[in-house]
Amino acid sequence: MENKAHALLAGIFTIVLLIAAVFIALWFNRDRVERVPYEIATTLSVPGLNPQAGVRYRGLDVGRVDAVLFDPQKPGQILIRFSVSKDTPITQSTFATLNYQGVTGLAYVQLDDDGSKPVLLPSSSKKVARIELRPGFLDTLQMRGLEILKQTEATIGKINTLLTDENQKDILAAFKDVSSAAKKVGTISDQLEPTLSKLPALTLKADKVLLSLNKLSDDATRLTGNLNEFTTRLNGPDGALNGFNGAVDNIGSAASTVEYEVVPLIDETRTTMRALNRTLETLNQQPQSILFGTSPAQPGPGETGFSAPAGK
């Protein structure tokens, strides 16, 4: 009996010791960080989100999800209650999204801030503040899934229209035309080969022509220089143009002299010739005037001694 009593006491002591160890472990492992409660109210789906899920602020672990339950005051709305460390900068512009951990599919709450209202958002167990839950990647994909499906259906319809029997025939005909055009392009290269083989000789001739043109240009440059030098000499103080200008000036002076000296002499000669002509005419009409002098002229009508002829 004593052995059984000792064994019973030993068993009870072991059980008490294990219970005490569990309580001590729980005591040391309990969360002693002071946390502030917050709440999220949303009508979006929250797949994979469970209590004790993590809460991160821009990637940093700041708290845990306390509960996920339906809102008793608004049907269809889900409440996500969580608590974060006291030093987490939750402001009026802080918002939440659901992210997922790798391939496990477990969700966690990701907090972020757009900085539009940098005022701290106070919260307490008596008055829990609410934070906006914005659609995540899956929610956005779900909301736009129908539109994407519609666009996909429209695209498939256009492809089916493009691939009708008639269009397939046209496409095959176009491919045949392209093939024939490619063959013609190949024959063009064969036709161009003789011409291309002559290009080196033409290039050599072109080089010779360019050399000739360069030489001609040099000769023209020298000729221009010689003409400029010749012109300079002609226009120089001892040049031919200067002497020619002097001769022209001398001729002008001689012409002026002739004009002022010879012209009066010519006028006097003309007067003398007219007088001589009148004298000769008088001698022809009255030769006796050489001996007896000239007879007076007959009086004309209205003059003294004028008499009209008889019978008139």
Protein backbone atom coordinates (compact mmCIF):
# COMPACT_ATOMS: atom_id res chain seq x y z
CA MET A 1 0.00 0.00 0.00
CA GLU A 2 2.81 2.37 0.75
CA ASN A 3 4.25 1.91 -2.74
CA LYS A 4 0.88 2.76 -4.26
CA ALA A 5 0.54 5.85 -2.04
CA HIS A 6 4.00 7.09 -2.99
CA ALA A 7 3.27 6.52 -6.66
CA LEU A 8 0.00 8.47 -6.39
CA LEU A 9 1.72 11.37 -4.66
CA ALA A 10 4.47 11.36 -7.27
CA GLY A 11 1.88 11.48 -10.06
CA ILE A 12 -0.05 14.33 -8.45
CA PHE A 13 3.17 16.26 -7.92
CA THR A 14 4.15 15.77 -11.58
CA ILE A 15 0.77 16.99 -12.78
CA VAL A 16 0.90 20.06 -10.54
CA LEU A 17 4.41 20.80 -11.72
CA LEU A 18 3.35 20.61 -15.38
CA ILE A 19 0.40 22.90 -14.75
CA ALA A 20 2.63 25.36 -12.96
CA ALA A 21 5.15 25.25 -15.83
CA VAL A 22 2.37 25.98 -18.32
CA PHE A 23 1.12 28.94 -16.32
CA ILE A 24 4.66 30.26 -15.90
CA ALA A 25 5.26 29.95 -19.66
CA LEU A 26 2.02 31.75 -20.39
CA TRP A 27 2.96 34.44 -17.91
CA PHE A 28 6.33 35.09 -19.50
CA ASN A 29 5.01 34.85 -23.04
CA ARG A 30 2.06 37.15 -22.60
CA ASP A 31 2.00 40.36 -24.64
CA ARG A 32 2.90 43.22 -22.32
CA VAL A 33 2.92 45.89 -25.05
CA GLU A 34 0.26 48.54 -24.63
CA ARG A 35 -1.99 48.45 -27.67
CA VAL A 36 -4.63 50.78 -29.07
CA PRO A 37 -7.82 49.26 -30.57
CA TYR A 38 -9.08 50.21 -34.02
CA GLU A 39 -11.85 48.91 -36.25
CA ILE A 40 -12.50 48.42 -39.95
CA ALA A 41 -16.04 48.31 -41.38
CA THR A 42 -16.28 47.08 -44.96
CA THR A 43 -18.61 45.42 -47.45
CA LEU A 44 -15.68 43.92 -49.36
CA SER A 45 -14.74 40.26 -49.14
CA VAL A 46 -12.00 39.32 -46.67
CA PRO A 47 -10.93 35.81 -47.74
CA GLY A 48 -8.11 34.26 -45.70
CA LEU A 49 -8.32 36.78 -42.84
CA ASN A 50 -8.53 35.16 -39.42
CA PRO A 51 -8.15 36.30 -35.80
CA GLN A 52 -4.52 36.64 -34.70
CA ALA A 53 -3.58 37.61 -38.29
CA GLY A 54 -0.84 40.18 -38.51
CA VAL A 55 -1.26 43.93 -38.85
CA ARG A 56 1.58 45.77 -40.62
CA TYR A 57 2.23 49.44 -41.14
CA ARG A 58 4.15 49.84 -44.41
CA GLY A 59 5.69 46.42 -43.92
CA LEU A 60 6.43 46.72 -40.18
CA ASP A 61 4.61 44.38 -37.76
CA VAL A 62 2.61 46.65 -35.41
CA GLY A 63 -0.28 44.51 -34.11
CA ARG A 64 -2.72 41.63 -34.45
CA VAL A 65 -6.30 41.10 -35.58
CA ASP A 66 -8.55 40.55 -32.54
CA ALA A 67 -11.80 39.53 -34.22
CA VAL A 68 -13.55 39.24 -37.58
CA LEU A 69 -17.35 39.35 -37.28
CA PHE A 70 -20.50 40.64 -38.93
CA ASP A 71 -21.82 44.08 -38.07
CA PRO A 72 -25.06 43.54 -36.10
CA GLN A 73 -26.25 47.05 -36.94
CA LYS A 74 -25.77 46.83 -40.72
CA PRO A 75 -26.41 43.55 -42.54
CA GLY A 76 -23.76 42.57 -45.08
CA GLN A 77 -21.05 44.64 -43.44
CA ILE A 78 -18.01 43.01 -41.83
CA LEU A 79 -16.19 44.37 -38.79
CA ILE A 80 -12.47 43.76 -38.39
CA ARG A 81 -11.25 44.66 -34.92
CA PHE A 82 -7.52 44.91 -34.40
CA SER A 83 -5.07 46.54 -32.02
CA VAL A 84 -1.72 48.14 -32.76
CA SER A 85 1.15 49.38 -30.65
CA LYS A 86 0.74 52.78 -29.07
CA ASP A 87 3.53 54.43 -31.09
CA THR A 88 1.97 53.50 -34.48
CA PRO A 89 1.28 56.81 -36.36
CA ILE A 90 -2.38 56.25 -37.25
CA THR A 91 -3.75 59.47 -38.81
CA GLN A 92 -7.04 60.53 -40.37
CA SER A 93 -5.64 59.67 -43.84
CA THR A 94 -4.49 56.17 -42.85
CA PHE A 95 -6.18 53.38 -44.83
CA ALA A 96 -6.01 49.59 -44.84
CA THR A 97 -5.78 46.90 -47.55
CA LEU A 98 -5.65 43.13 -47.47
CA ASN A 99 -2.40 41.49 -48.55
CA TYR A 100 -1.52 37.84 -48.73
CA GLN A 101 1.55 35.96 -47.51
CA GLY A 102 3.25 34.06 -50.27
CA VAL A 103 1.61 30.84 -51.42
CA THR A 104 -0.16 30.12 -48.11
CA GLY A 105 -3.05 32.43 -48.92
CA LEU A 106 -3.16 33.77 -45.35
CA ALA A 107 -4.24 37.41 -45.32
CA TYR A 108 -2.98 40.20 -43.15
CA VAL A 109 -3.97 43.84 -42.73
CA GLN A 110 -1.63 46.30 -44.42
CA LEU A 111 -1.84 49.89 -43.15
CA ASP A 112 -0.66 52.84 -45.23
CA ASP A 113 -1.04 56.61 -45.31
CA ASP A 114 -1.43 58.95 -48.31
CA GLY A 115 -0.53 62.03 -46.22
CA SER A 116 -3.62 64.03 -47.16
CA LYS A 117 -4.69 64.50 -43.48
CA PRO A 118 -1.61 64.23 -41.23
CA VAL A 119 -3.62 64.50 -38.01
CA LEU A 120 -3.40 61.66 -35.46
CA LEU A 121 -6.57 59.60 -35.10
CA PRO A 122 -7.30 58.98 -31.39
CA SER A 123 -8.95 55.71 -30.35
CA SER A 124 -9.85 53.89 -27.09
CA SER A 125 -11.73 50.82 -25.92
CA LYS A 126 -14.76 53.01 -25.17
CA LYS A 127 -14.73 54.82 -28.51
CA VAL A 128 -13.02 52.74 -31.18
CA ALA A 129 -11.96 54.72 -34.28
CA ARG A 130 -12.65 53.29 -37.72
CA ILE A 131 -10.21 53.06 -40.63
CA GLU A 132 -11.14 52.80 -44.30
CA LEU A 133 -10.51 49.49 -46.08
CA ARG A 134 -9.64 50.05 -49.73
CA PRO A 135 -9.86 47.36 -52.40
CA GLY A 136 -6.72 45.26 -52.79
CA PHE A 137 -5.38 43.63 -55.90
CA LEU A 138 -7.85 40.73 -55.83
CA ASP A 139 -10.80 43.02 -55.14
CA THR A 140 -9.82 45.30 -58.02
CA LEU A 141 -9.42 42.28 -60.27
CA GLN A 142 -12.81 40.98 -59.18
CA MET A 143 -14.55 44.31 -59.82
CA ARG A 144 -12.96 44.67 -63.24
CA GLY A 145 -13.26 41.00 -64.11
CA LEU A 146 -16.63 41.42 -65.80
CA GLU A 147 -15.37 44.31 -67.90
CA ILE A 148 -12.29 42.30 -68.85
CA LEU A 149 -14.50 39.35 -69.80
CA LYS A 150 -16.68 41.61 -71.94
CA GLN A 151 -13.66 43.03 -73.73
CA THR A 152 -12.30 39.51 -74.18
CA GLU A 153 -15.57 38.36 -75.68
CA ALA A 154 -15.61 41.36 -78.04
CA THR A 155 -12.03 40.61 -79.08
CA ILE A 156 -12.85 36.95 -79.69
CA GLY A 157 -15.86 38.00 -81.77
CA LYS A 158 -13.67 40.26 -83.93
CA ILE A 159 -11.15 37.44 -84.35
CA ASN A 160 -13.94 35.07 -85.40
CA THR A 161 -15.18 37.66 -87.89
CA LEU A 162 -11.65 38.04 -89.22
CA LEU A 163 -11.25 34.29 -89.62
CA THR A 164 -14.38 33.64 -91.67
CA ASP A 165 -14.06 31.44 -94.74
CA GLU A 166 -14.12 34.41 -97.11
CA ASN A 167 -11.50 36.32 -95.13
CA GLN A 168 -9.34 33.22 -94.92
CA LYS A 169 -9.41 32.99 -98.71
CA ASP A 170 -8.43 36.66 -98.96
CA ILE A 171 -5.60 36.15 -96.47
CA LEU A 172 -4.30 33.14 -98.38
CA ALA A 173 -4.49 35.15 -101.62
CA ALA A 174 -2.55 37.97 -99.96
CA PHE A 175 0.11 35.50 -98.84
CA LYS A 176 0.36 34.20 -102.41
CA ASP A 177 0.76 37.75 -103.72
CA VAL A 178 3.49 38.40 -101.16
CA SER A 179 5.23 35.18 -102.20
CA SER A 180 5.11 36.12 -105.88
CA ALA A 181 6.35 39.61 -105.06
CA ALA A 182 9.25 38.10 -103.10
CA LYS A 183 10.14 35.95 -106.09
CA LYS A 184 10.10 39.02 -108.35
CA VAL A 185 12.35 40.83 -105.92
CA GLY A 186 14.79 37.91 -106.18
CA THR A 187 14.83 38.20 -109.98
CA ILE A 188 15.44 41.94 -109.68
CA SER A 189 18.63 41.27 -107.76
CA ASP A 190 19.77 38.94 -110.55
CA GLN A 191 19.01 41.63 -113.13
CA LEU A 192 20.86 44.24 -111.15
CA GLU A 193 23.97 42.10 -110.78
CA PRO A 194 25.51 43.11 -114.19
CA THR A 195 24.90 46.76 -113.38
CA LEU A 196 26.39 46.35 -109.93
CA SER A 197 29.46 44.67 -111.43
CA LYS A 198 30.03 47.82 -113.52
CA LEU A 199 29.85 50.12 -110.55
CA PRO A 200 33.58 49.86 -109.67
CA ALA A 201 34.55 50.98 -113.20
CA LEU A 202 32.00 53.79 -113.07
CA THR A 203 33.36 54.81 -109.69
CA LEU A 204 36.89 54.91 -111.12
CA LYS A 205 35.72 57.06 -114.04
CA ALA A 206 33.85 59.31 -111.66
CA ASP A 207 37.04 59.75 -109.65
CA LYS A 208 38.92 60.70 -112.83
CA VAL A 209 36.20 63.17 -113.76
CA LEU A 210 36.42 64.68 -110.30
CA LEU A 211 40.19 64.99 -110.63
CA SER A 212 39.73 66.71 -114.01
CA LEU A 213 37.15 69.04 -112.53
CA ASN A 214 39.48 69.85 -109.66
CA LYS A 215 42.28 70.60 -112.13
CA LEU A 216 39.93 72.74 -114.23
CA SER A 217 38.88 74.56 -111.10
CA ASP A 218 42.52 75.21 -110.20
CA ASP A 219 43.22 76.51 -113.75
CA ALA A 220 40.16 78.74 -113.58
CA THR A 221 41.36 80.05 -110.24
CA ARG A 222 44.79 80.89 -111.69
CA LEU A 223 43.16 82.50 -114.76
CA THR A 224 40.96 84.60 -112.49
CA GLY A 225 44.04 85.67 -110.56
CA ASN A 226 45.84 86.63 -113.78
CA LEU A 227 42.81 88.60 -114.98
CA ASN A 228 42.62 90.40 -111.66
CA GLU A 229 46.34 91.22 -111.87
CA PHE A 230 45.93 92.41 -115.50
CA THR A 231 42.98 94.59 -114.51
CA THR A 232 44.98 96.02 -111.63
CA ARG A 233 47.81 96.89 -113.98
CA LEU A 234 45.44 98.52 -116.49
CA ASN A 235 43.90 100.62 -113.74
CA GLY A 236 47.29 101.49 -112.21
CA PRO A 237 48.91 104.92 -112.40
CA ASP A 238 51.16 103.79 -115.28
CA GLY A 239 48.53 101.59 -116.92
CA ALA A 240 47.14 101.77 -120.39
CA LEU A 241 43.71 102.88 -119.23
CA ASN A 242 45.22 105.83 -117.41
CA GLY A 243 47.09 106.90 -120.61
CA PHE A 244 43.97 106.36 -122.66
CA ASN A 245 42.06 108.60 -120.30
CA GLY A 246 44.80 111.26 -120.73
CA ALA A 247 44.54 111.00 -124.52
CA VAL A 248 40.78 111.34 -124.32
CA ASP A 249 41.23 114.46 -122.20
CA ASN A 250 43.69 115.89 -124.78
CA ILE A 251 41.28 115.18 -127.60
CA GLY A 252 38.56 116.92 -125.64
CA SER A 253 40.81 119.96 -125.15
CA ALA A 254 41.64 120.05 -128.89
CA ALA A 255 37.98 119.82 -129.77
CA SER A 256 37.26 122.71 -127.45
CA THR A 257 40.04 124.73 -129.09
CA VAL A 258 38.67 123.99 -132.56
CA GLU A 259 35.21 124.92 -131.41
CA TYR A 260 36.31 128.30 -130.04
CA GLU A 261 38.85 129.23 -132.79
CA VAL A 262 37.85 127.53 -136.05
CA VAL A 263 34.08 127.99 -135.87
CA PRO A 264 34.27 131.86 -136.03
CA LEU A 265 36.69 131.57 -138.95
CA ILE A 266 34.23 129.34 -140.77
CA ASP A 267 31.44 131.88 -140.21
CA GLU A 268 33.59 134.69 -141.69
CA THR A 269 34.49 132.48 -144.65
CA ARG A 270 30.80 131.84 -145.32
CA THR A 271 30.07 135.60 -145.25
CA THR A 272 32.94 136.30 -147.67
CA MET A 273 31.73 133.57 -150.03
CA ARG A 274 28.22 134.99 -150.08
CA ALA A 275 29.61 138.46 -150.91
CA LEU A 276 31.80 136.98 -153.64
CA ASN A 277 28.81 135.12 -155.08
CA ARG A 278 26.79 138.29 -155.22
CA THR A 279 29.68 140.12 -156.96
CA LEU A 280 30.06 137.37 -159.57
CA GLU A 281 26.31 137.37 -160.15
CA THR A 282 26.41 141.16 -160.72
CA LEU A 283 29.27 140.79 -163.20
CA ASN A 284 27.35 138.15 -165.10
CA GLN A 285 24.30 140.38 -165.37
CA GLN A 286 26.16 143.71 -165.97
CA PRO A 287 29.65 143.17 -167.39
CA GLN A 288 29.98 146.94 -168.19
CA SER A 289 29.87 147.64 -164.52
CA ILE A 290 33.59 146.94 -164.49
CA LEU A 291 34.15 150.14 -166.52
CA PHE A 292 31.12 152.34 -165.81
CA GLY A 293 30.10 151.04 -162.45
CA THR A 294 26.81 149.48 -161.60
CA SER A 295 23.63 151.14 -162.85
CA PRO A 296 21.05 152.07 -160.27
CA ALA A 297 18.28 149.57 -159.77
CA GLN A 298 14.89 150.23 -161.44
CA PRO A 299 12.33 151.80 -159.01
CA GLY A 300 9.67 149.42 -157.98
CA PRO A 301 5.99 150.06 -157.51
CA GLY A 302 5.40 152.85 -155.08
CA GLU A 303 8.94 154.23 -155.49
CA THR A 304 9.91 157.59 -157.14
CA GLY A 305 10.33 157.29 -160.88
CA PHE A 306 8.35 154.07 -161.24
CA SER A 307 6.33 153.89 -164.44
CA ALA A 308 4.08 151.10 -165.53
CA PRO A 309 4.89 149.46 -168.89
CA ALA A 310 2.79 150.61 -171.87
CA GLY A 311 -0.27 148.56 -172.82
CA LYS A 312 -0.79 147.36 -169.38
